[in-house]
Amino acid sequence: MNGTVVAKQLMQEEGSRGTVYQDTLGFWTIGIGRLVDARKAGAGLSTEEVQYLLQNDIKKIETHLDAAIPWWRELNEPRQAVILGMAFQLGINGLLQFTNTLAAVRYGNFQGAHDGILNSKWAKQTPGRAERMALQMLTGQWQAKEGFTLP
């Protein structure tokens, strides 16, 4: 079977959407007819698909960070992960609003960066995550959520 022709026909029949939508039966769907509604058996993404999406998102964020704050690559890996993780959750524009915190990071004032993270609206919205990220920025050491392990 010619997979290219089959894919083309499925795209023609199903349409293609990059955001979730409800199909004609009211089930949540994405892409080209991919059922993701938990109410339907067999719906959703495989572990491999979830990991692919994550790696794709990380690459995009790294590209944005390289353009906006290229010095972030000079940090050690745990501190880079804080910057990337904040951009992942807040978006690149949300991260860039942390002007004082980013300035502190850039010039090695990790105590100031720690304090800036904890004194933010973001820390009030996601306190556990912000506390771990602030400590990771301060120490330059990985901070795992309880029940998880990191290098």
N, C-alpha and C. Protein backbone atom coordinates (compact mmCIF):
# COMPACT_ATOMS: atom_id res chain seq x y z
N MET A 1 0.84 -1.18 0.00
CA MET A 1 0.00 0.00 0.00
C MET A 1 0.89 1.24 0.00
N ASN A 2 0.52 2.23 -0.76
CA ASN A 2 1.27 3.48 -0.84
C ASN A 2 0.88 4.37 0.34
N GLY A 3 1.73 4.42 1.35
CA GLY A 3 1.45 5.19 2.57
C GLY A 3 1.26 6.67 2.32
N THR A 4 1.97 7.20 1.32
CA THR A 4 1.85 8.63 1.02
C THR A 4 0.46 8.96 0.50
N VAL A 5 -0.05 8.10 -0.38
CA VAL A 5 -1.38 8.34 -0.95
C VAL A 5 -2.45 8.15 0.12
N VAL A 6 -2.28 7.13 0.95
CA VAL A 6 -3.23 6.89 2.04
C VAL A 6 -3.25 8.09 2.99
N ALA A 7 -2.07 8.58 3.35
CA ALA A 7 -1.99 9.74 4.25
C ALA A 7 -2.65 10.96 3.62
N LYS A 8 -2.41 11.15 2.34
CA LYS A 8 -3.02 12.28 1.64
C LYS A 8 -4.55 12.19 1.66
N GLN A 9 -5.06 10.97 1.41
CA GLN A 9 -6.51 10.81 1.41
C GLN A 9 -7.09 11.03 2.82
N LEU A 10 -6.41 10.49 3.84
CA LEU A 10 -6.88 10.70 5.21
C LEU A 10 -6.88 12.19 5.57
N MET A 11 -5.86 12.91 5.15
CA MET A 11 -5.82 14.36 5.40
C MET A 11 -6.98 15.05 4.69
N GLN A 12 -7.27 14.59 3.49
CA GLN A 12 -8.38 15.17 2.72
C GLN A 12 -9.70 14.93 3.42
N GLU A 13 -9.90 13.72 3.92
CA GLU A 13 -11.17 13.36 4.55
C GLU A 13 -11.31 13.89 5.97
N GLU A 14 -10.23 13.83 6.72
CA GLU A 14 -10.28 14.20 8.13
C GLU A 14 -10.04 15.69 8.36
N GLY A 15 -9.27 16.32 7.49
CA GLY A 15 -8.81 17.67 7.74
C GLY A 15 -7.61 17.62 8.66
N SER A 16 -7.00 18.74 8.92
CA SER A 16 -5.82 18.80 9.77
C SER A 16 -5.91 20.03 10.66
N ARG A 17 -5.85 19.79 11.97
CA ARG A 17 -5.92 20.89 12.93
C ARG A 17 -4.82 20.74 13.98
N GLY A 18 -4.19 21.83 14.26
CA GLY A 18 -3.12 21.82 15.26
C GLY A 18 -3.61 22.06 16.67
N THR A 19 -4.90 22.23 16.83
CA THR A 19 -5.47 22.41 18.17
C THR A 19 -6.59 21.39 18.35
N VAL A 20 -6.94 21.12 19.58
CA VAL A 20 -8.01 20.15 19.84
C VAL A 20 -9.35 20.71 19.37
N TYR A 21 -10.17 19.81 18.92
CA TYR A 21 -11.52 20.17 18.47
C TYR A 21 -12.42 18.98 18.75
N GLN A 22 -13.70 19.21 18.71
CA GLN A 22 -14.65 18.12 18.90
C GLN A 22 -15.08 17.61 17.53
N ASP A 23 -15.01 16.28 17.37
CA ASP A 23 -15.42 15.69 16.10
C ASP A 23 -16.96 15.70 16.01
N THR A 24 -17.48 15.10 14.96
CA THR A 24 -18.93 15.15 14.73
C THR A 24 -19.72 14.44 15.82
N LEU A 25 -19.05 13.57 16.60
CA LEU A 25 -19.73 12.87 17.70
C LEU A 25 -19.45 13.53 19.05
N GLY A 26 -18.69 14.63 19.03
CA GLY A 26 -18.42 15.36 20.26
C GLY A 26 -17.19 14.88 21.02
N PHE A 27 -16.37 14.02 20.40
CA PHE A 27 -15.15 13.53 21.05
C PHE A 27 -13.98 14.46 20.71
N TRP A 28 -13.14 14.71 21.73
CA TRP A 28 -11.97 15.57 21.52
C TRP A 28 -10.97 14.87 20.62
N THR A 29 -10.50 15.62 19.64
CA THR A 29 -9.63 15.10 18.58
C THR A 29 -8.57 16.16 18.30
N ILE A 30 -7.45 15.73 17.70
CA ILE A 30 -6.39 16.66 17.33
C ILE A 30 -5.70 16.14 16.07
N GLY A 31 -5.02 17.04 15.40
CA GLY A 31 -4.24 16.64 14.22
C GLY A 31 -5.13 16.20 13.08
N ILE A 32 -4.88 15.02 12.60
CA ILE A 32 -5.64 14.45 11.49
C ILE A 32 -6.47 13.30 12.05
N GLY A 33 -7.56 13.65 12.71
CA GLY A 33 -8.48 12.66 13.23
C GLY A 33 -7.97 11.85 14.41
N ARG A 34 -6.96 12.33 15.13
CA ARG A 34 -6.41 11.58 16.27
C ARG A 34 -7.30 11.81 17.48
N LEU A 35 -7.98 10.78 17.91
CA LEU A 35 -8.87 10.83 19.06
C LEU A 35 -8.03 10.91 20.33
N VAL A 36 -8.30 11.92 21.15
CA VAL A 36 -7.58 12.07 22.42
C VAL A 36 -8.53 12.11 23.62
N ASP A 37 -9.79 11.90 23.38
CA ASP A 37 -10.82 11.99 24.41
C ASP A 37 -10.75 10.77 25.32
N ALA A 38 -10.57 11.00 26.62
CA ALA A 38 -10.45 9.91 27.59
C ALA A 38 -11.72 9.08 27.71
N ARG A 39 -12.83 9.59 27.23
CA ARG A 39 -14.09 8.84 27.30
C ARG A 39 -14.13 7.70 26.28
N LYS A 40 -13.19 7.67 25.36
CA LYS A 40 -13.20 6.67 24.30
C LYS A 40 -12.00 5.73 24.49
N ALA A 41 -12.25 4.44 24.56
CA ALA A 41 -11.18 3.46 24.74
C ALA A 41 -10.16 3.56 23.61
N GLY A 42 -8.89 3.48 23.97
CA GLY A 42 -7.82 3.51 22.98
C GLY A 42 -7.42 4.90 22.54
N ALA A 43 -8.07 5.91 23.07
CA ALA A 43 -7.75 7.29 22.67
C ALA A 43 -6.49 7.77 23.39
N GLY A 44 -5.88 8.79 22.85
CA GLY A 44 -4.74 9.42 23.51
C GLY A 44 -3.46 9.25 22.73
N LEU A 45 -2.38 9.60 23.38
CA LEU A 45 -1.05 9.53 22.78
C LEU A 45 -0.25 8.43 23.45
N SER A 46 0.62 7.80 22.68
CA SER A 46 1.52 6.80 23.26
C SER A 46 2.63 7.51 24.03
N THR A 47 3.33 6.78 24.85
CA THR A 47 4.46 7.33 25.59
C THR A 47 5.49 7.92 24.62
N GLU A 48 5.73 7.23 23.53
CA GLU A 48 6.69 7.70 22.53
C GLU A 48 6.24 9.02 21.90
N GLU A 49 4.94 9.13 21.63
CA GLU A 49 4.41 10.37 21.05
C GLU A 49 4.52 11.53 22.03
N VAL A 50 4.24 11.28 23.29
CA VAL A 50 4.35 12.31 24.31
C VAL A 50 5.80 12.79 24.41
N GLN A 51 6.74 11.84 24.41
CA GLN A 51 8.16 12.19 24.49
C GLN A 51 8.61 12.96 23.24
N TYR A 52 8.12 12.58 22.07
CA TYR A 52 8.45 13.28 20.83
C TYR A 52 7.99 14.74 20.93
N LEU A 53 6.76 14.95 21.38
CA LEU A 53 6.24 16.31 21.52
C LEU A 53 7.09 17.11 22.51
N LEU A 54 7.46 16.49 23.62
CA LEU A 54 8.28 17.18 24.62
C LEU A 54 9.62 17.59 24.03
N GLN A 55 10.30 16.67 23.36
CA GLN A 55 11.60 16.98 22.77
C GLN A 55 11.48 18.08 21.71
N ASN A 56 10.41 18.06 20.95
CA ASN A 56 10.15 19.10 19.96
C ASN A 56 9.97 20.45 20.65
N ASP A 57 9.20 20.48 21.74
CA ASP A 57 8.98 21.71 22.50
C ASP A 57 10.30 22.23 23.09
N ILE A 58 11.11 21.34 23.62
CA ILE A 58 12.40 21.74 24.21
C ILE A 58 13.28 22.39 23.14
N LYS A 59 13.36 21.79 21.97
CA LYS A 59 14.17 22.35 20.88
C LYS A 59 13.69 23.75 20.50
N LYS A 60 12.37 23.92 20.43
CA LYS A 60 11.82 25.25 20.09
C LYS A 60 12.18 26.28 21.15
N ILE A 61 12.04 25.90 22.40
CA ILE A 61 12.34 26.83 23.49
C ILE A 61 13.83 27.18 23.50
N GLU A 62 14.68 26.19 23.28
CA GLU A 62 16.12 26.45 23.23
C GLU A 62 16.44 27.46 22.13
N THR A 63 15.81 27.33 20.99
CA THR A 63 16.02 28.26 19.88
C THR A 63 15.61 29.67 20.29
N HIS A 64 14.46 29.80 20.94
CA HIS A 64 14.00 31.12 21.40
C HIS A 64 14.94 31.69 22.46
N LEU A 65 15.39 30.85 23.38
CA LEU A 65 16.31 31.32 24.41
C LEU A 65 17.64 31.75 23.81
N ASP A 66 18.14 30.99 22.84
CA ASP A 66 19.40 31.34 22.19
C ASP A 66 19.32 32.71 21.54
N ALA A 67 18.15 33.03 20.98
CA ALA A 67 17.97 34.33 20.32
C ALA A 67 17.78 35.45 21.33
N ALA A 68 17.04 35.19 22.41
CA ALA A 68 16.68 36.25 23.36
C ALA A 68 17.74 36.50 24.42
N ILE A 69 18.30 35.42 24.98
CA ILE A 69 19.30 35.55 26.05
C ILE A 69 20.41 34.52 25.82
N PRO A 70 21.25 34.74 24.83
CA PRO A 70 22.25 33.73 24.45
C PRO A 70 23.20 33.33 25.58
N TRP A 71 23.37 34.18 26.57
CA TRP A 71 24.26 33.87 27.70
C TRP A 71 23.75 32.71 28.55
N TRP A 72 22.51 32.31 28.40
CA TRP A 72 21.96 31.24 29.23
C TRP A 72 22.75 29.94 29.05
N ARG A 73 23.38 29.75 27.88
CA ARG A 73 24.17 28.54 27.60
C ARG A 73 25.45 28.48 28.45
N GLU A 74 25.86 29.60 29.03
CA GLU A 74 27.07 29.63 29.86
C GLU A 74 26.81 29.07 31.26
N LEU A 75 25.55 28.92 31.63
CA LEU A 75 25.19 28.38 32.94
C LEU A 75 25.43 26.88 32.98
N ASN A 76 25.55 26.33 34.18
CA ASN A 76 25.64 24.88 34.26
C ASN A 76 24.25 24.28 33.92
N GLU A 77 24.22 22.99 33.69
CA GLU A 77 23.00 22.35 33.20
C GLU A 77 21.80 22.52 34.13
N PRO A 78 21.93 22.34 35.44
CA PRO A 78 20.76 22.55 36.31
C PRO A 78 20.21 23.98 36.23
N ARG A 79 21.08 24.96 36.12
CA ARG A 79 20.60 26.34 36.02
C ARG A 79 19.99 26.60 34.64
N GLN A 80 20.57 26.04 33.60
CA GLN A 80 19.95 26.14 32.27
C GLN A 80 18.55 25.55 32.31
N ALA A 81 18.41 24.44 33.03
CA ALA A 81 17.10 23.77 33.13
C ALA A 81 16.07 24.65 33.81
N VAL A 82 16.48 25.47 34.77
CA VAL A 82 15.55 26.40 35.42
C VAL A 82 15.04 27.41 34.39
N ILE A 83 15.96 28.00 33.64
CA ILE A 83 15.59 28.98 32.62
C ILE A 83 14.66 28.34 31.59
N LEU A 84 15.03 27.16 31.11
CA LEU A 84 14.21 26.47 30.12
C LEU A 84 12.86 26.08 30.70
N GLY A 85 12.85 25.61 31.93
CA GLY A 85 11.59 25.20 32.57
C GLY A 85 10.65 26.37 32.79
N MET A 86 11.19 27.51 33.13
CA MET A 86 10.35 28.70 33.29
C MET A 86 9.78 29.12 31.95
N ALA A 87 10.61 29.09 30.91
CA ALA A 87 10.12 29.44 29.56
C ALA A 87 9.09 28.43 29.09
N PHE A 88 9.25 27.18 29.46
CA PHE A 88 8.29 26.14 29.09
C PHE A 88 6.93 26.43 29.70
N GLN A 89 6.91 26.79 30.97
CA GLN A 89 5.65 27.02 31.66
C GLN A 89 5.06 28.40 31.35
N LEU A 90 5.91 29.42 31.31
CA LEU A 90 5.44 30.80 31.19
C LEU A 90 5.44 31.32 29.76
N GLY A 91 6.09 30.59 28.86
CA GLY A 91 6.33 31.10 27.52
C GLY A 91 7.56 31.99 27.55
N ILE A 92 8.19 32.17 26.40
CA ILE A 92 9.41 32.97 26.35
C ILE A 92 9.13 34.41 26.79
N ASN A 93 8.00 34.97 26.38
CA ASN A 93 7.68 36.35 26.76
C ASN A 93 7.42 36.47 28.25
N GLY A 94 6.80 35.45 28.84
CA GLY A 94 6.60 35.46 30.28
C GLY A 94 7.92 35.42 31.03
N LEU A 95 8.85 34.57 30.56
CA LEU A 95 10.17 34.51 31.19
C LEU A 95 10.88 35.85 31.09
N LEU A 96 10.81 36.48 29.93
CA LEU A 96 11.55 37.73 29.72
C LEU A 96 11.04 38.87 30.59
N GLN A 97 9.86 38.72 31.19
CA GLN A 97 9.36 39.72 32.13
C GLN A 97 10.10 39.68 33.47
N PHE A 98 10.86 38.62 33.70
CA PHE A 98 11.66 38.48 34.92
C PHE A 98 12.98 39.23 34.73
N THR A 99 12.92 40.52 34.41
CA THR A 99 14.12 41.26 34.02
C THR A 99 15.16 41.31 35.15
N ASN A 100 14.75 41.59 36.37
CA ASN A 100 15.71 41.66 37.48
C ASN A 100 16.28 40.29 37.81
N THR A 101 15.43 39.28 37.77
CA THR A 101 15.89 37.91 38.05
C THR A 101 16.88 37.46 36.99
N LEU A 102 16.56 37.71 35.73
CA LEU A 102 17.46 37.32 34.64
C LEU A 102 18.78 38.08 34.71
N ALA A 103 18.72 39.34 35.07
CA ALA A 103 19.96 40.12 35.23
C ALA A 103 20.80 39.51 36.35
N ALA A 104 20.17 39.13 37.44
CA ALA A 104 20.90 38.50 38.55
C ALA A 104 21.56 37.21 38.09
N VAL A 105 20.84 36.39 37.34
CA VAL A 105 21.40 35.14 36.83
C VAL A 105 22.59 35.43 35.93
N ARG A 106 22.39 36.36 35.01
CA ARG A 106 23.45 36.67 34.03
C ARG A 106 24.76 37.05 34.71
N TYR A 107 24.67 37.78 35.81
CA TYR A 107 25.88 38.26 36.47
C TYR A 107 26.28 37.42 37.68
N GLY A 108 25.70 36.22 37.78
CA GLY A 108 26.13 35.27 38.80
C GLY A 108 25.60 35.54 40.19
N ASN A 109 24.62 36.40 40.31
CA ASN A 109 24.00 36.68 41.62
C ASN A 109 22.86 35.68 41.81
N PHE A 110 23.22 34.46 42.16
CA PHE A 110 22.23 33.39 42.24
C PHE A 110 21.32 33.53 43.46
N GLN A 111 21.81 34.20 44.50
CA GLN A 111 20.93 34.50 45.65
C GLN A 111 19.84 35.47 45.22
N GLY A 112 20.22 36.50 44.48
CA GLY A 112 19.25 37.47 43.97
C GLY A 112 18.26 36.82 43.02
N ALA A 113 18.74 35.91 42.18
CA ALA A 113 17.85 35.19 41.27
C ALA A 113 16.88 34.31 42.05
N HIS A 114 17.38 33.61 43.04
CA HIS A 114 16.57 32.78 43.93
C HIS A 114 15.45 33.61 44.55
N ASP A 115 15.83 34.77 45.10
CA ASP A 115 14.85 35.64 45.76
C ASP A 115 13.84 36.18 44.76
N GLY A 116 14.32 36.54 43.57
CA GLY A 116 13.43 37.05 42.53
C GLY A 116 12.39 36.03 42.11
N ILE A 117 12.83 34.79 41.99
CA ILE A 117 11.89 33.71 41.63
C ILE A 117 10.82 33.58 42.71
N LEU A 118 11.26 33.55 43.97
CA LEU A 118 10.31 33.34 45.07
C LEU A 118 9.39 34.53 45.33
N ASN A 119 9.79 35.71 44.90
CA ASN A 119 8.97 36.91 45.10
C ASN A 119 8.09 37.22 43.90
N SER A 120 7.86 36.25 43.05
CA SER A 120 7.09 36.48 41.82
C SER A 120 5.65 35.97 41.94
N LYS A 121 4.84 36.48 41.06
CA LYS A 121 3.45 35.99 40.94
C LYS A 121 3.47 34.50 40.59
N TRP A 122 4.42 34.11 39.75
CA TRP A 122 4.57 32.71 39.34
C TRP A 122 4.75 31.81 40.57
N ALA A 123 5.55 32.27 41.55
CA ALA A 123 5.79 31.47 42.76
C ALA A 123 4.51 31.31 43.58
N LYS A 124 3.66 32.32 43.55
CA LYS A 124 2.38 32.21 44.27
C LYS A 124 1.43 31.24 43.55
N GLN A 125 1.54 31.17 42.22
CA GLN A 125 0.66 30.30 41.43
C GLN A 125 1.11 28.84 41.48
N THR A 126 2.41 28.61 41.46
CA THR A 126 2.96 27.25 41.49
C THR A 126 4.09 27.19 42.52
N PRO A 127 3.74 27.26 43.80
CA PRO A 127 4.76 27.41 44.84
C PRO A 127 5.77 26.26 44.93
N GLY A 128 5.32 25.04 44.84
CA GLY A 128 6.25 23.91 44.94
C GLY A 128 7.28 23.94 43.83
N ARG A 129 6.81 24.15 42.62
CA ARG A 129 7.70 24.19 41.47
C ARG A 129 8.67 25.37 41.59
N ALA A 130 8.16 26.53 41.93
CA ALA A 130 9.00 27.72 42.05
C ALA A 130 10.05 27.54 43.15
N GLU A 131 9.68 26.93 44.26
CA GLU A 131 10.64 26.69 45.34
C GLU A 131 11.77 25.77 44.88
N ARG A 132 11.42 24.70 44.15
CA ARG A 132 12.45 23.79 43.63
C ARG A 132 13.35 24.52 42.63
N MET A 133 12.75 25.30 41.74
CA MET A 133 13.52 25.99 40.72
C MET A 133 14.42 27.06 41.34
N ALA A 134 13.91 27.76 42.34
CA ALA A 134 14.71 28.78 43.03
C ALA A 134 15.91 28.14 43.72
N LEU A 135 15.69 27.02 44.39
CA LEU A 135 16.79 26.32 45.07
C LEU A 135 17.79 25.78 44.05
N GLN A 136 17.29 25.26 42.93
CA GLN A 136 18.18 24.75 41.88
C GLN A 136 19.02 25.89 41.30
N MET A 137 18.42 27.06 41.13
CA MET A 137 19.18 28.21 40.63
C MET A 137 20.22 28.64 41.66
N LEU A 138 19.85 28.66 42.92
CA LEU A 138 20.76 29.08 43.98
C LEU A 138 21.96 28.14 44.08
N THR A 139 21.70 26.84 44.11
CA THR A 139 22.76 25.87 44.37
C THR A 139 23.47 25.36 43.12
N GLY A 140 22.79 25.45 41.98
CA GLY A 140 23.36 24.86 40.76
C GLY A 140 23.29 23.34 40.79
N GLN A 141 22.45 22.80 41.69
CA GLN A 141 22.27 21.35 41.83
C GLN A 141 20.82 20.99 41.50
N TRP A 142 20.63 19.82 40.86
CA TRP A 142 19.29 19.36 40.51
C TRP A 142 18.42 19.22 41.74
N GLN A 143 17.16 19.61 41.63
CA GLN A 143 16.18 19.48 42.70
C GLN A 143 14.99 18.68 42.15
N ALA A 144 14.80 17.49 42.66
CA ALA A 144 13.73 16.62 42.17
C ALA A 144 12.49 16.76 43.03
N LYS A 145 11.38 16.67 42.38
CA LYS A 145 10.09 16.63 43.07
C LYS A 145 10.03 15.32 43.84
N GLU A 146 9.37 15.32 44.98
CA GLU A 146 9.28 14.10 45.79
C GLU A 146 8.73 12.94 44.95
N GLY A 147 9.39 11.80 45.04
CA GLY A 147 8.99 10.63 44.29
C GLY A 147 9.68 10.51 42.93
N PHE A 148 10.47 11.52 42.56
CA PHE A 148 11.19 11.50 41.29
C PHE A 148 12.68 11.55 41.56
N THR A 149 13.48 11.17 40.58
CA THR A 149 14.92 11.27 40.68
C THR A 149 15.48 11.98 39.46
N LEU A 150 16.52 12.73 39.67
CA LEU A 150 17.25 13.41 38.61
C LEU A 150 18.72 13.06 38.77
N PRO A 151 19.54 13.37 37.78
CA PRO A 151 20.96 13.00 37.89
C PRO A 151 21.62 13.48 39.16
